């Protein structure tokens, strides 16, 4: 026992115990600290990332990546377009390019123009302001100038449309009634009046291309109603007979000089 005690180095033993304790403490600290880090990473990064990946796996198969191609491509300069509508410099522009005209469905026209009328319609455009008070109103007059054309379609004529009365030396030619073609309203023929503003109205009265086209269609319909109210169809039919007679009478006179031509309607 004494020998053991003599051989036992108390100071060395305490140093070893101290080192072992410190090493254990360090290991425990590293383990705990690492565990906390792993928990934080797993909770705040890995789980949200997995959730996002799951959502992307559901969505991405349905999404086309073609929309992302050329995301940062640059448009050509505004000078490269056929027509510049608006130019706002670095903030962009509105321009148009005309494609190559395409010819299709060639048809030999046999419509004879028998009557033409210039017709116009005035539209008052009102932009009402706050609470519909006139002091905020903006108004402008737009005049639509169109051309109404009545035609007779001679392509419908066949031999059955011609009847010969040898006893009275007459030839009867049956033709269809005159038809009103779509009323032509040219944009360059539109007239815009001065903008009238209320006391507290500011800015201009602007219309989109679609709105202008819609107003143009409505003006065209009003013109058609005016033609119907004034019974222009009756006048067009009268001129139809006259014009067709002037076209065909010389032909019949060469074939049968003693016969006269009378133009009548088919129905």
Protein backbone atom coordinates (compact mmCIF):
# COMPACT_ATOMS: atom_id res chain seq x y z
CA UNK A 1 0.00 0.00 0.00
CA UNK A 2 2.79 2.30 0.83
CA UNK A 3 4.55 1.36 -2.32
CA UNK A 4 1.42 2.15 -4.35
CA UNK A 5 1.07 5.38 -2.54
CA UNK A 6 4.66 6.17 -3.20
CA UNK A 7 4.24 5.36 -6.87
CA UNK A 8 0.96 7.37 -7.18
CA UNK A 9 1.53 10.83 -8.56
CA UNK A 10 -1.36 12.85 -7.33
CA UNK A 11 -0.47 15.89 -9.36
CA UNK A 12 -0.29 13.87 -12.57
CA UNK A 13 -3.62 12.20 -11.78
CA UNK A 14 -5.35 15.53 -11.25
CA UNK A 15 -3.94 16.84 -14.51
CA UNK A 16 -5.29 13.80 -16.38
CA UNK A 17 -8.71 14.17 -14.75
CA UNK A 18 -8.77 17.85 -15.61
CA UNK A 19 -7.85 17.15 -19.21
CA UNK A 20 -10.44 14.40 -19.45
CA UNK A 21 -13.09 16.73 -18.06
CA UNK A 22 -12.14 19.48 -20.44
CA UNK A 23 -12.13 17.08 -23.38
CA UNK A 24 -15.54 15.78 -22.38
CA UNK A 25 -16.83 19.30 -22.03
CA UNK A 26 -15.48 20.22 -25.45
CA UNK A 27 -17.03 17.16 -27.01
CA UNK A 28 -20.33 17.90 -25.36
CA UNK A 29 -20.18 21.52 -26.51
CA UNK A 30 -19.32 20.54 -30.05
CA UNK A 31 -22.04 17.95 -30.11
CA UNK A 32 -24.66 20.30 -28.66
CA UNK A 33 -23.59 23.24 -30.80
CA UNK A 34 -23.53 21.09 -33.91
CA UNK A 35 -26.92 19.69 -33.08
CA UNK A 36 -28.35 23.18 -32.71
CA UNK A 37 -26.86 24.22 -36.04
CA UNK A 38 -28.25 21.14 -37.74
CA UNK A 39 -31.66 21.77 -36.21
CA UNK A 40 -31.60 25.39 -37.42
CA UNK A 41 -30.51 24.44 -40.93
CA UNK A 42 -33.04 21.64 -41.13
CA UNK A 43 -35.89 23.77 -39.80
CA UNK A 44 -35.23 27.03 -41.61
CA UNK A 45 -33.60 25.88 -44.82
CA UNK A 46 -34.08 22.23 -45.69
CA UNK A 47 -37.80 21.90 -44.87
CA UNK A 48 -38.80 25.09 -46.79
CA UNK A 49 -36.55 24.04 -49.67
CA UNK A 50 -38.20 20.61 -49.82
CA UNK A 51 -41.64 22.24 -49.75
CA UNK A 52 -40.69 24.57 -52.58
CA UNK A 53 -39.27 21.66 -54.59
CA UNK A 54 -42.51 19.73 -54.11
CA UNK A 55 -44.58 22.64 -55.36
CA UNK A 56 -42.26 23.18 -58.32
CA UNK A 57 -42.51 19.50 -59.25
CA UNK A 58 -46.28 19.90 -59.43
CA UNK A 59 -46.26 23.17 -61.34
CA UNK A 60 -43.26 23.06 -63.64
CA UNK A 61 -44.47 20.16 -65.82
CA UNK A 62 -47.43 22.36 -66.73
CA UNK A 63 -45.35 25.43 -67.49
CA UNK A 64 -43.65 25.98 -70.80
CA UNK A 65 -40.15 27.41 -70.60
CA UNK A 66 -40.47 28.95 -74.05
CA UNK A 67 -41.91 32.06 -72.43
CA UNK A 68 -38.61 32.62 -70.65
CA UNK A 69 -36.47 32.30 -73.74
CA UNK A 70 -35.27 35.66 -74.94
CA UNK A 71 -36.39 37.29 -71.72
CA UNK A 72 -33.75 39.98 -72.01
CA UNK A 73 -33.75 40.38 -75.77
CA UNK A 74 -33.74 43.97 -76.99
CA UNK A 75 -36.24 45.29 -79.53
CA UNK A 76 -34.95 46.89 -82.69
CA UNK A 77 -34.78 50.72 -82.76
CA UNK A 78 -38.02 52.55 -83.48
CA UNK A 79 -36.51 53.76 -86.76
CA UNK A 80 -36.56 50.17 -87.98
CA UNK A 81 -40.36 50.03 -88.08
CA UNK A 82 -42.59 51.10 -90.96
CA UNK A 83 -44.69 53.46 -88.87
CA UNK A 84 -44.12 55.10 -85.49
CA UNK A 85 -47.30 55.68 -83.50
CA UNK A 86 -45.80 56.93 -80.23
CA UNK A 87 -42.17 57.38 -79.20
CA UNK A 88 -41.29 57.85 -75.53
CA UNK A 89 -37.53 57.47 -75.85
CA UNK A 90 -35.98 55.15 -73.26
CA UNK A 91 -39.45 54.50 -71.81
CA UNK A 92 -40.54 52.65 -74.92
CA UNK A 93 -42.50 53.21 -78.08
CA UNK A 94 -45.51 52.04 -80.08
CA UNK A 95 -44.78 51.19 -83.70
CA UNK A 96 -46.10 49.02 -86.52
CA UNK A 97 -44.66 46.89 -89.29
CA UNK A 98 -46.71 46.05 -92.37
CA UNK A 99 -46.47 42.50 -93.62
CA UNK A 100 -46.30 41.56 -97.26
CA UNK A 101 -49.76 41.90 -98.86
CA UNK A 102 -51.34 38.56 -99.75
CA UNK A 103 -53.52 38.08 -102.81
CA UNK A 104 -56.15 35.34 -102.60
CA UNK A 105 -59.53 34.26 -103.99
CA UNK A 106 -59.39 36.10 -107.28
CA UNK A 107 -62.89 36.92 -108.50
CA UNK A 108 -63.89 38.61 -111.72
CA UNK A 109 -66.30 41.34 -110.66
CA UNK A 110 -69.43 41.85 -112.70
CA UNK A 111 -71.09 44.40 -110.48
CA UNK A 112 -72.31 47.50 -112.21
CA UNK A 113 -72.26 50.66 -110.11
CA UNK A 114 -75.55 52.47 -110.60
CA UNK A 115 -75.70 55.08 -107.84
CA UNK A 116 -73.27 56.71 -105.42
CA UNK A 117 -74.00 59.01 -102.50
CA UNK A 118 -71.74 60.99 -100.20
CA UNK A 119 -73.06 60.67 -96.68
CA UNK A 120 -71.84 61.93 -93.32
CA UNK A 121 -72.66 61.53 -89.66
CA UNK A 122 -71.57 63.72 -86.75
CA UNK A 123 -70.84 62.12 -83.39
CA UNK A 124 -70.39 64.04 -80.15
CA UNK A 125 -68.02 62.28 -77.80
CA UNK A 126 -68.44 63.20 -74.14
CA UNK A 127 -66.02 62.33 -71.36
CA UNK A 128 -67.88 62.97 -68.09
CA UNK A 129 -65.74 63.84 -65.08
CA UNK A 130 -66.09 63.72 -61.32
CA UNK A 131 -69.68 63.26 -60.10
CA UNK A 132 -70.81 63.88 -63.72
CA UNK A 133 -70.42 67.62 -63.15
CA UNK A 134 -70.16 69.57 -66.40
CA UNK A 135 -67.24 71.57 -65.05
CA UNK A 136 -65.14 68.37 -65.47
CA UNK A 137 -66.53 67.46 -68.92
CA UNK A 138 -64.48 67.03 -72.09
CA UNK A 139 -66.33 66.89 -75.43
CA UNK A 140 -65.32 66.63 -79.06
CA UNK A 141 -67.22 66.42 -82.35
CA UNK A 142 -66.19 63.78 -84.88
CA UNK A 143 -67.56 63.86 -88.44
CA UNK A 144 -67.59 60.57 -90.34
CA UNK A 145 -67.67 61.02 -94.11
CA UNK A 146 -68.64 57.97 -96.09
CA UNK A 147 -69.62 56.83 -99.56
CA UNK A 148 -72.73 54.74 -100.20
CA UNK A 149 -72.63 52.79 -103.46
CA UNK A 150 -75.48 50.79 -105.01
CA UNK A 151 -74.61 48.08 -107.53
CA UNK A 152 -76.31 45.53 -109.78
CA UNK A 153 -74.71 42.08 -109.92
CA UNK A 154 -74.65 41.11 -113.59
CA UNK A 155 -73.06 37.75 -112.79
CA UNK A 156 -76.55 36.48 -111.99
CA UNK A 157 -77.75 37.00 -115.57
CA UNK A 158 -78.39 33.87 -117.66
CA UNK A 159 -80.22 33.20 -120.93
CA UNK A 160 -83.47 32.75 -119.00
CA UNK A 161 -83.23 36.43 -118.05
CA UNK A 162 -83.84 37.41 -121.67
CA UNK A 163 -87.33 37.19 -123.19
CA UNK A 164 -88.08 38.12 -126.80
CA UNK A 165 -91.50 39.41 -127.92
CA UNK A 166 -91.39 39.09 -131.67
CA UNK A 167 -94.94 40.37 -132.13
CA UNK A 168 -94.13 43.72 -130.53
CA UNK A 169 -90.42 43.62 -131.40
CA UNK A 170 -89.30 43.94 -127.81
CA UNK A 171 -86.61 42.30 -125.75
CA UNK A 172 -87.11 42.07 -121.99
CA UNK A 173 -84.05 41.84 -119.78
CA UNK A 174 -84.63 40.78 -116.17
CA UNK A 175 -82.07 42.06 -113.65
CA UNK A 176 -81.72 41.87 -109.84
CA UNK A 177 -82.49 44.88 -107.69
CA UNK A 178 -79.73 47.30 -106.78
CA UNK A 179 -77.82 46.39 -103.63
CA UNK A 180 -76.15 48.70 -101.15
CA UNK A 181 -72.47 47.84 -100.78
CA UNK A 182 -70.75 48.25 -97.39
CA UNK A 183 -70.49 51.97 -96.73
CA UNK A 184 -66.90 53.06 -97.09
CA UNK A 185 -65.62 55.42 -94.39
CA UNK A 186 -62.01 56.43 -94.94
CA UNK A 187 -60.01 57.41 -91.86
CA UNK A 188 -58.42 60.34 -93.67
CA UNK A 189 -61.90 61.73 -94.36
CA UNK A 190 -62.80 61.88 -90.67
CA UNK A 191 -62.96 65.38 -89.24
CA UNK A 192 -62.23 66.14 -85.59
CA UNK A 193 -63.60 69.27 -83.96
CA UNK A 194 -61.90 71.29 -81.26
CA UNK A 195 -61.83 69.84 -77.77
CA UNK A 196 -64.22 71.64 -75.42
CA UNK A 197 -63.41 71.49 -71.72
CA UNK A 198 -65.25 72.36 -68.57
CA UNK A 199 -63.75 74.83 -66.13
CA UNK A 200 -61.91 72.13 -64.16
CA UNK A 201 -61.29 69.62 -66.96
CA UNK A 202 -57.68 68.77 -67.74
CA UNK A 203 -55.92 66.69 -70.37
CA UNK A 204 -56.99 65.50 -73.80
CA UNK A 205 -59.85 63.22 -74.82
CA UNK A 206 -58.19 60.12 -76.24
CA UNK A 207 -59.71 57.01 -77.77
CA UNK A 208 -58.16 53.62 -78.34
CA UNK A 209 -58.02 52.06 -81.81
CA UNK A 210 -60.79 49.66 -80.80
CA UNK A 211 -63.02 52.51 -79.60
CA UNK A 212 -62.49 54.45 -82.82
CA UNK A 213 -63.38 51.37 -84.87
CA UNK A 214 -66.52 50.74 -82.79
CA UNK A 215 -67.70 54.34 -83.25
CA UNK A 216 -66.99 54.03 -86.95
CA UNK A 217 -69.18 50.91 -87.17
CA UNK A 218 -71.99 52.64 -85.31
CA UNK A 219 -71.75 55.64 -87.65
CA UNK A 220 -71.98 53.25 -90.60
CA UNK A 221 -75.15 51.68 -89.19
CA UNK A 222 -76.73 55.12 -88.69
CA UNK A 223 -75.92 55.98 -92.31
CA UNK A 224 -77.66 52.81 -93.48
CA UNK A 225 -80.75 53.72 -91.49
CA UNK A 226 -80.75 57.19 -93.04
CA UNK A 227 -80.62 55.68 -96.53
CA UNK A 228 -83.56 53.43 -95.68
CA UNK A 229 -85.59 56.29 -94.20
CA UNK A 230 -85.06 58.39 -97.31
CA UNK A 231 -86.00 55.43 -99.53
CA UNK A 232 -82.80 55.69 -101.54
CA UNK A 233 -83.34 52.06 -102.60
CA UNK A 234 -86.17 53.17 -104.89
CA UNK A 235 -83.92 55.76 -106.49
CA UNK A 236 -81.14 53.20 -106.87
CA UNK A 237 -83.47 50.77 -108.67
CA UNK A 238 -84.56 53.56 -111.01
CA UNK A 239 -80.95 54.28 -111.93
CA UNK A 240 -80.25 50.55 -112.17
CA UNK A 241 -82.73 50.19 -115.04
CA UNK A 242 -81.34 53.25 -116.76
CA UNK A 243 -77.67 52.27 -116.48
CA UNK A 244 -78.25 48.67 -117.55
CA UNK A 245 -80.31 49.87 -120.54
CA UNK A 246 -77.48 52.20 -121.57
CA UNK A 247 -75.04 49.29 -121.41
CA UNK A 248 -77.08 46.67 -123.31
CA UNK A 249 -79.19 48.71 -125.74
CA UNK A 250 -76.32 49.23 -128.23
CA UNK A 251 -75.67 45.46 -128.21
CA UNK A 252 -79.28 44.56 -129.00
CA UNK A 253 -79.47 47.29 -131.61
CA UNK A 254 -76.62 45.70 -133.52
CA UNK A 255 -78.22 42.26 -133.40
CA UNK A 256 -81.84 43.34 -134.01
CA UNK A 257 -82.07 47.00 -135.06
CA UNK A 258 -85.88 47.00 -135.08
CA UNK A 259 -86.20 45.71 -131.54
CA UNK A 260 -86.25 47.82 -128.41
CA UNK A 261 -84.89 46.83 -125.01
CA UNK A 262 -86.88 47.04 -121.83
CA UNK A 263 -85.22 46.39 -118.49
CA UNK A 264 -87.30 44.83 -115.71
CA UNK A 265 -86.59 43.38 -112.29
CA UNK A 266 -86.46 39.65 -111.68
CA UNK A 267 -88.70 39.80 -108.59
